[in-house]
């Protein structure tokens, strides 16, 4: 089963999106946006930029756990992963975003 995006609204009224893998696990989370249209633009950016390995920054959190950021061509962060138990697990997460990022399925949970 292919992945999908979900757009939701935070309690403060801002919008965000997540990319879910086919197993419904969240593999990428966006920043908060003031406007829903901005979140939709963020999804378009992930769709465009997720296929290239050069757009992923592999980093470690302060606690040593690996994670990644997906960046656009202008080097802005589009989305961030969860923390992983190992670099290999992080690399599997990147592959999942590469495989699912181009999906056009968007579930709008904002009501």
Protein backbone atom coordinates (compact mmCIF):
# COMPACT_ATOMS: atom_id res chain seq x y z
CA UNK A 1 0.00 0.00 0.00
CA UNK A 2 1.27 3.45 -0.89
CA UNK A 3 1.79 6.24 1.59
CA UNK A 4 -0.19 9.46 1.98
CA UNK A 5 -0.10 12.92 3.48
CA UNK A 6 -2.30 14.17 6.30
CA UNK A 7 -2.93 17.86 6.92
CA UNK A 8 -4.07 18.75 10.43
CA UNK A 9 -4.58 21.82 12.56
CA UNK A 10 -2.85 22.36 15.91
CA UNK A 11 -4.67 23.70 18.96
CA UNK A 12 -3.25 27.17 18.27
CA UNK A 13 -4.81 27.22 14.79
CA UNK A 14 -1.63 26.55 12.83
CA UNK A 15 -1.38 23.82 10.21
CA UNK A 16 1.07 20.97 9.68
CA UNK A 17 1.38 17.90 7.55
CA UNK A 18 2.82 14.46 8.04
CA UNK A 19 3.84 11.88 5.47
CA UNK A 20 2.69 8.38 6.39
CA UNK A 21 4.11 5.16 4.98
CA UNK A 22 1.81 2.44 3.68
CA UNK A 23 1.79 0.88 7.18
CA UNK A 24 0.41 4.18 8.61
CA UNK A 25 3.66 5.03 10.40
CA UNK A 26 4.61 8.72 10.31
CA UNK A 27 7.90 9.08 8.42
CA UNK A 28 8.13 12.87 8.03
CA UNK A 29 6.65 15.81 9.94
CA UNK A 30 6.48 19.42 8.78
CA UNK A 31 6.92 22.63 10.67
CA UNK A 32 3.84 24.62 11.72
CA UNK A 33 2.32 26.96 9.14
CA UNK A 34 -0.01 29.91 9.73
CA UNK A 35 -2.03 29.14 6.58
CA UNK A 36 -3.36 25.87 5.21
CA UNK A 37 -2.16 26.87 1.73
CA UNK A 38 1.39 27.06 3.09
CA UNK A 39 1.12 23.48 4.38
CA UNK A 40 -0.16 22.42 0.96
CA UNK A 41 2.86 24.14 -0.64
CA UNK A 42 5.08 22.21 1.78
CA UNK A 43 3.57 18.95 0.57
CA UNK A 44 4.28 19.96 -3.03
CA UNK A 45 7.88 20.66 -2.04
CA UNK A 46 8.24 17.20 -0.47
CA UNK A 47 6.73 15.63 -3.60
CA UNK A 48 9.32 17.47 -5.71
CA UNK A 49 12.39 17.10 -3.49
CA UNK A 50 12.02 13.74 -1.72
CA UNK A 51 13.50 11.65 -4.54
CA UNK A 52 17.04 13.05 -4.38
CA UNK A 53 19.47 11.72 -1.77
CA UNK A 54 21.29 15.08 -1.83
CA UNK A 55 18.26 16.73 -0.17
CA UNK A 56 18.60 14.74 3.05
CA UNK A 57 20.70 15.89 6.00
CA UNK A 58 21.64 12.98 8.21
CA UNK A 59 22.16 14.31 11.73
CA UNK A 60 22.28 13.20 15.36
CA UNK A 61 20.22 14.67 18.18
CA UNK A 62 21.88 15.85 21.39
CA UNK A 63 21.11 12.46 22.92
CA UNK A 64 22.98 10.73 20.08
CA UNK A 65 19.88 9.38 18.32
CA UNK A 66 20.04 9.68 14.51
CA UNK A 67 17.38 11.49 12.48
CA UNK A 68 17.13 13.37 9.19
CA UNK A 69 15.86 16.59 7.71
CA UNK A 70 14.52 16.85 4.16
CA UNK A 71 15.53 20.13 2.53
CA UNK A 72 14.30 21.96 -0.54
CA UNK A 73 16.59 23.31 -3.27
CA UNK A 74 16.82 26.60 -1.32
CA UNK A 75 18.14 24.61 1.70
CA UNK A 76 15.00 25.29 3.77
CA UNK A 77 13.92 22.34 5.91
CA UNK A 78 10.65 20.90 4.59
CA UNK A 79 10.26 18.09 7.08
CA UNK A 80 11.94 16.23 9.92
CA UNK A 81 11.93 12.56 10.84
CA UNK A 82 11.45 10.88 14.16
CA UNK A 83 14.48 9.85 16.22
CA UNK A 84 15.83 6.44 15.25
CA UNK A 85 17.65 3.74 17.22
CA UNK A 86 20.48 3.46 14.68
CA UNK A 87 21.94 5.05 11.57
CA UNK A 88 20.73 2.04 9.57
CA UNK A 89 17.16 2.59 10.79
CA UNK A 90 17.44 6.28 9.84
CA UNK A 91 18.63 5.32 6.36
CA UNK A 92 15.62 2.99 6.03
CA UNK A 93 13.42 5.97 7.00
CA UNK A 94 15.00 8.06 4.24
CA UNK A 95 14.32 5.29 1.73
CA UNK A 96 10.70 5.19 2.89
CA UNK A 97 10.33 8.95 2.33
CA UNK A 98 11.93 8.57 -1.11
CA UNK A 99 9.45 5.79 -1.94
CA UNK A 100 6.34 7.48 -0.51
CA UNK A 101 7.07 11.20 -0.94
CA UNK A 102 5.77 11.44 -4.49
CA UNK A 103 2.29 10.24 -3.53
CA UNK A 104 -0.57 12.52 -4.49
CA UNK A 105 -2.93 11.16 -1.82
CA UNK A 106 -3.69 13.90 0.71
CA UNK A 107 -6.09 13.43 3.61
CA UNK A 108 -7.36 16.72 4.99
CA UNK A 109 -8.13 16.29 8.68
CA UNK A 110 -8.92 19.95 9.31
CA UNK A 111 -12.67 19.42 9.09
